[in-house]
Amino acid sequence: MIKLQVIGSRANWSKPFKNKKIKKFTSCFLETDKKFQIDAGNPWDKKKINYLLITHLHQDHIGKIQTYPKETIFCLPSKTFAKKMPKGARTLLLKPNSKIGNTNIQPFLVHHSIHTLTYGFKISYQKTSFIWLPDYFSPFNFSVFKKTDYFFLGASSLKRDILHPGYLHGQISILHFLRKLKKRKISPKKRKIYLIHLGLSMFPLKEKISWLQRQFPEYHIITTYDGIKINL
């Protein structure tokens, strides 16, 4: 079993949402035979982890990285990330398919920003696998999604793609991305898609998720919130 706890579910906006359950930047704890965390945009809360995985170098994903204890091993999908790690930090450069303990970590490159390489992760342990993908416009290769049990997908926008000034790319709306998956006949094996990296247009959540679910009855769409625990 994979034990996953969402630390935070919100995207990078200047002000927190008016929602008591969603205030922290998107990040999660992950326990298999090792203890992992993905991204470090929130203050360190002293929970013991062995490895910290970094998706990309934007502040909502690495803003509090200097607060992490010295024994943390920083897992980097690109050697270009090393310059942003704390001085003297222990780092591990991930390969296209890396194994840490009995946990398989597969970083995959996505379109997001011209200023930093951006990755998602496919994580597999025992017979369970999931995708963690908070920031993206499009993957370079959709094949990584195949034969995967669960998807955790960024929903920075409901219907309109976001293109930031000065960026070659931005974030695709969750509506458009699910259409891309459907067109390619890609679905999580367990049918469950968890939404992370929630943007302002996703609120009010109950209403927007209900609308999205009607568009894609073949999926079971679930919203996350700060602190939710999920056993995969």
Protein backbone atom coordinates (compact mmCIF):
# COMPACT_ATOMS: atom_id res chain seq x y z
CA MET A 1 0.00 0.00 0.00
CA ILE A 2 1.04 3.56 -0.74
CA LYS A 3 0.09 6.06 1.98
CA LEU A 4 -0.27 9.58 0.61
CA GLN A 5 -1.09 12.73 2.56
CA VAL A 6 -1.65 16.01 0.74
CA ILE A 7 0.18 18.86 2.46
CA GLY A 8 -1.42 21.56 0.34
CA SER A 9 -3.70 21.79 -2.69
CA ARG A 10 -3.59 25.36 -3.96
CA ALA A 11 -1.84 26.89 -6.95
CA ASN A 12 0.48 29.90 -6.77
CA TRP A 13 -1.69 32.98 -6.27
CA SER A 14 -0.81 36.16 -4.38
CA LYS A 15 -3.54 35.60 -1.75
CA PRO A 16 -4.78 32.37 -0.14
CA PHE A 17 -8.25 31.19 -1.06
CA LYS A 18 -11.15 32.00 1.21
CA ASN A 19 -11.35 28.32 2.00
CA LYS A 20 -10.24 26.96 5.37
CA LYS A 21 -9.39 23.56 3.89
CA ILE A 22 -7.15 24.89 1.09
CA LYS A 23 -4.41 27.36 2.04
CA LYS A 24 -1.03 25.67 1.46
CA PHE A 25 0.83 25.30 -1.83
CA THR A 26 0.56 21.95 -3.61
CA SER A 27 2.80 19.32 -2.06
CA CYS A 28 2.44 15.86 -0.51
CA PHE A 29 3.93 13.31 1.88
CA LEU A 30 4.31 9.79 0.56
CA GLU A 31 5.08 6.60 2.48
CA THR A 32 6.05 3.30 0.89
CA ASP A 33 9.06 1.42 2.26
CA LYS A 34 10.66 4.89 2.37
CA LYS A 35 9.29 8.29 3.31
CA PHE A 36 9.10 10.93 0.59
CA GLN A 37 7.85 14.44 0.08
CA ILE A 38 7.11 16.05 -3.26
CA ASP A 39 7.99 19.77 -3.44
CA ALA A 40 8.81 22.26 -0.69
CA GLY A 41 6.77 25.43 -1.12
CA ASN A 42 5.44 25.35 2.45
CA PRO A 43 7.29 25.71 5.79
CA TRP A 44 8.87 22.51 7.03
CA ASP A 45 6.67 20.97 9.73
CA LYS A 46 9.27 18.62 11.25
CA LYS A 47 7.69 15.46 9.83
CA LYS A 48 10.45 12.98 9.15
CA ILE A 49 11.12 12.17 5.49
CA ASN A 50 14.00 10.39 3.76
CA TYR A 51 13.76 11.94 0.29
CA LEU A 52 12.45 15.19 -1.18
CA LEU A 53 11.38 15.13 -4.85
CA ILE A 54 11.36 18.42 -6.78
CA THR A 55 9.08 18.97 -9.80
CA HIS A 56 10.49 22.38 -10.82
CA LEU A 57 12.09 25.55 -9.48
CA HIS A 58 9.14 27.94 -9.08
CA GLN A 59 8.76 29.49 -5.63
CA ASP A 60 5.50 27.74 -4.75
CA HIS A 61 7.40 24.45 -5.16
CA ILE A 62 10.81 25.24 -3.62
CA GLY A 63 10.24 28.45 -1.63
CA LYS A 64 10.96 26.88 1.78
CA ILE A 65 13.67 24.47 0.71
CA GLN A 66 16.28 26.17 2.89
CA THR A 67 14.35 25.12 6.02
CA TYR A 68 14.80 21.38 5.41
CA PRO A 69 17.09 19.34 7.71
CA LYS A 70 20.59 18.43 6.56
CA GLU A 71 19.85 14.70 6.45
CA THR A 72 17.23 15.20 3.72
CA ILE A 73 18.25 13.78 0.34
CA PHE A 74 17.10 16.05 -2.48
CA CYS A 75 16.01 14.01 -5.50
CA LEU A 76 16.51 16.03 -8.68
CA PRO A 77 15.12 15.09 -12.11
CA SER A 78 17.65 17.48 -13.71
CA LYS A 79 21.19 18.48 -12.71
CA THR A 80 20.20 22.10 -13.46
CA PHE A 81 18.17 22.04 -10.21
CA ALA A 82 21.31 21.64 -8.09
CA LYS A 83 22.10 25.37 -8.05
CA LYS A 84 18.89 26.06 -6.12
CA MET A 85 19.49 23.47 -3.41
CA PRO A 86 20.81 24.47 0.04
CA LYS A 87 24.58 24.75 0.34
CA GLY A 88 26.08 21.37 1.19
CA ALA A 89 22.81 19.54 0.53
CA ARG A 90 22.83 15.82 -0.21
CA THR A 91 21.47 15.35 -3.73
CA LEU A 92 20.50 12.40 -5.89
CA LEU A 93 20.14 12.81 -9.64
CA LEU A 94 17.17 10.75 -10.78
CA LYS A 95 17.48 8.60 -13.88
CA PRO A 96 14.57 8.06 -16.32
CA ASN A 97 13.69 5.07 -14.14
CA SER A 98 15.12 5.22 -10.62
CA LYS A 99 14.59 2.82 -7.75
CA ILE A 100 14.79 4.04 -4.16
CA GLY A 101 14.37 1.10 -1.83
CA ASN A 102 11.53 -0.83 -3.44
CA THR A 103 9.89 2.31 -4.84
CA ASN A 104 10.19 3.14 -8.54
CA ILE A 105 10.42 6.84 -9.40
CA GLN A 106 9.99 7.84 -13.04
CA PRO A 107 10.37 11.59 -13.73
CA PHE A 108 8.89 12.76 -17.02
CA LEU A 109 9.39 16.10 -18.72
CA VAL A 110 6.42 18.39 -19.43
CA HIS A 111 5.82 21.75 -21.11
CA HIS A 112 5.34 24.51 -18.53
CA SER A 113 7.90 27.35 -18.52
CA ILE A 114 10.86 28.57 -20.56
CA HIS A 115 12.58 29.54 -17.29
CA THR A 116 12.83 26.13 -15.66
CA LEU A 117 12.54 22.51 -16.71
CA THR A 118 9.38 20.99 -15.26
CA TYR A 119 8.63 17.38 -14.44
CA GLY A 120 5.86 15.12 -13.26
CA PHE A 121 6.49 11.85 -11.45
CA LYS A 122 5.15 8.35 -11.97
CA ILE A 123 5.63 6.50 -8.71
CA SER A 124 5.19 2.75 -8.36
CA TYR A 125 5.33 0.55 -5.28
CA GLN A 126 4.45 -3.12 -5.14
CA LYS A 127 1.48 -3.38 -7.53
CA THR A 128 0.26 0.24 -7.31
CA SER A 129 1.25 3.26 -9.39
CA PHE A 130 0.20 6.89 -9.62
CA ILE A 131 1.01 10.07 -11.54
CA TRP A 132 1.78 13.33 -9.66
CA LEU A 133 1.59 16.29 -12.05
CA PRO A 134 0.90 19.76 -10.56
CA ASP A 135 2.19 22.23 -13.23
CA TYR A 136 2.01 21.52 -16.97
CA PHE A 137 0.73 22.62 -20.32
CA SER A 138 1.28 19.23 -21.90
CA PRO A 139 3.52 16.19 -21.39
CA PHE A 140 6.11 15.52 -24.08
CA ASN A 141 4.97 11.89 -24.11
CA PHE A 142 1.54 10.61 -23.07
CA SER A 143 2.66 6.99 -22.88
CA VAL A 144 3.76 7.47 -19.25
CA PHE A 145 0.08 7.69 -18.28
CA LYS A 146 -0.76 4.25 -19.59
CA LYS A 147 -1.15 1.31 -17.20
CA THR A 148 -1.23 3.66 -14.19
CA ASP A 149 -3.72 3.21 -11.34
CA TYR A 150 -4.35 6.81 -10.23
CA PHE A 151 -3.77 10.32 -11.56
CA PHE A 152 -3.12 13.43 -9.42
CA LEU A 153 -3.50 16.30 -11.89
CA GLY A 154 -3.05 20.05 -11.54
CA ALA A 155 -6.25 22.04 -12.00
CA SER A 156 -4.97 25.62 -12.12
CA SER A 157 -7.90 26.49 -14.35
CA LEU A 158 -11.27 24.93 -15.11
CA LYS A 159 -11.94 25.94 -18.75
CA ARG A 160 -9.40 28.52 -19.94
CA ASP A 161 -5.73 27.77 -20.51
CA ILE A 162 -3.36 30.07 -18.62
CA LEU A 163 -0.54 31.73 -20.56
CA HIS A 164 1.71 33.90 -18.40
CA PRO A 165 3.48 36.94 -19.94
CA GLY A 166 7.06 36.03 -20.84
CA TYR A 167 6.38 32.31 -20.70
CA LEU A 168 6.46 30.05 -23.72
CA HIS A 169 3.84 27.92 -21.97
CA GLY A 170 1.69 28.09 -18.86
CA GLN A 171 -0.99 25.76 -17.52
CA ILE A 172 -3.62 23.93 -19.50
CA SER A 173 -7.15 23.90 -18.12
CA ILE A 174 -8.23 20.63 -16.56
CA LEU A 175 -11.13 20.51 -19.04
CA HIS A 176 -8.79 20.61 -22.04
CA PHE A 177 -6.34 18.14 -20.55
CA LEU A 178 -9.01 15.57 -19.74
CA ARG A 179 -10.23 15.93 -23.31
CA LYS A 180 -6.69 15.10 -24.49
CA LEU A 181 -6.64 11.99 -22.30
CA LYS A 182 -10.08 10.92 -23.48
CA LYS A 183 -9.13 11.41 -27.15
CA ARG A 184 -6.14 9.11 -26.58
CA LYS A 185 -8.30 6.62 -24.67
CA ILE A 186 -6.14 7.06 -21.58
CA SER A 187 -7.74 6.42 -18.21
CA PRO A 188 -6.41 5.55 -14.75
CA LYS A 189 -6.92 1.85 -14.11
CA LYS A 190 -8.84 2.60 -10.90
CA ARG A 191 -10.79 5.40 -12.70
CA LYS A 192 -9.89 7.92 -9.97
CA ILE A 193 -8.48 11.34 -10.88
CA TYR A 194 -7.51 13.53 -7.91
CA LEU A 195 -7.29 17.27 -8.52
CA ILE A 196 -4.34 19.20 -7.04
CA HIS A 197 -2.82 22.67 -7.65
CA LEU A 198 -6.27 24.23 -7.56
CA GLY A 199 -6.72 27.66 -9.17
CA LEU A 200 -9.27 30.39 -8.52
CA SER A 201 -11.56 29.34 -11.36
CA MET A 202 -12.12 25.98 -9.63
CA PHE A 203 -14.25 27.64 -6.94
CA PRO A 204 -16.87 27.07 -5.68
CA LEU A 205 -15.43 23.57 -5.69
CA LYS A 206 -18.58 21.51 -5.25
CA GLU A 207 -20.28 23.21 -8.18
CA LYS A 208 -17.25 23.11 -10.51
CA ILE A 209 -16.33 19.50 -9.76
CA SER A 210 -19.93 18.44 -10.31
CA TRP A 211 -19.91 20.16 -13.72
CA LEU A 212 -16.57 18.58 -14.65
CA GLN A 213 -17.77 15.14 -13.59
CA ARG A 214 -20.75 15.44 -15.94
CA GLN A 215 -18.38 16.12 -18.84
CA PHE A 216 -16.35 12.97 -18.09
CA PRO A 217 -18.57 10.27 -16.60
CA GLU A 218 -15.92 7.66 -17.42
CA TYR A 219 -13.67 9.12 -14.69
CA HIS A 220 -14.23 9.48 -10.96
CA ILE A 221 -13.05 13.06 -10.29
CA ILE A 222 -12.09 13.87 -6.70
CA THR A 223 -10.90 17.16 -5.26
CA THR A 224 -8.14 17.23 -2.66
CA TYR A 225 -7.61 19.56 0.29
CA ASP A 226 -4.87 20.31 2.81
CA GLY A 227 -4.24 17.33 5.06
CA ILE A 228 -6.36 14.71 3.25
CA LYS A 229 -5.00 11.18 3.67
CA ILE A 230 -5.37 8.74 0.79
CA ASN A 231 -4.43 5.07 0.77
CA LEU A 232 -3.62 3.85 -2.74
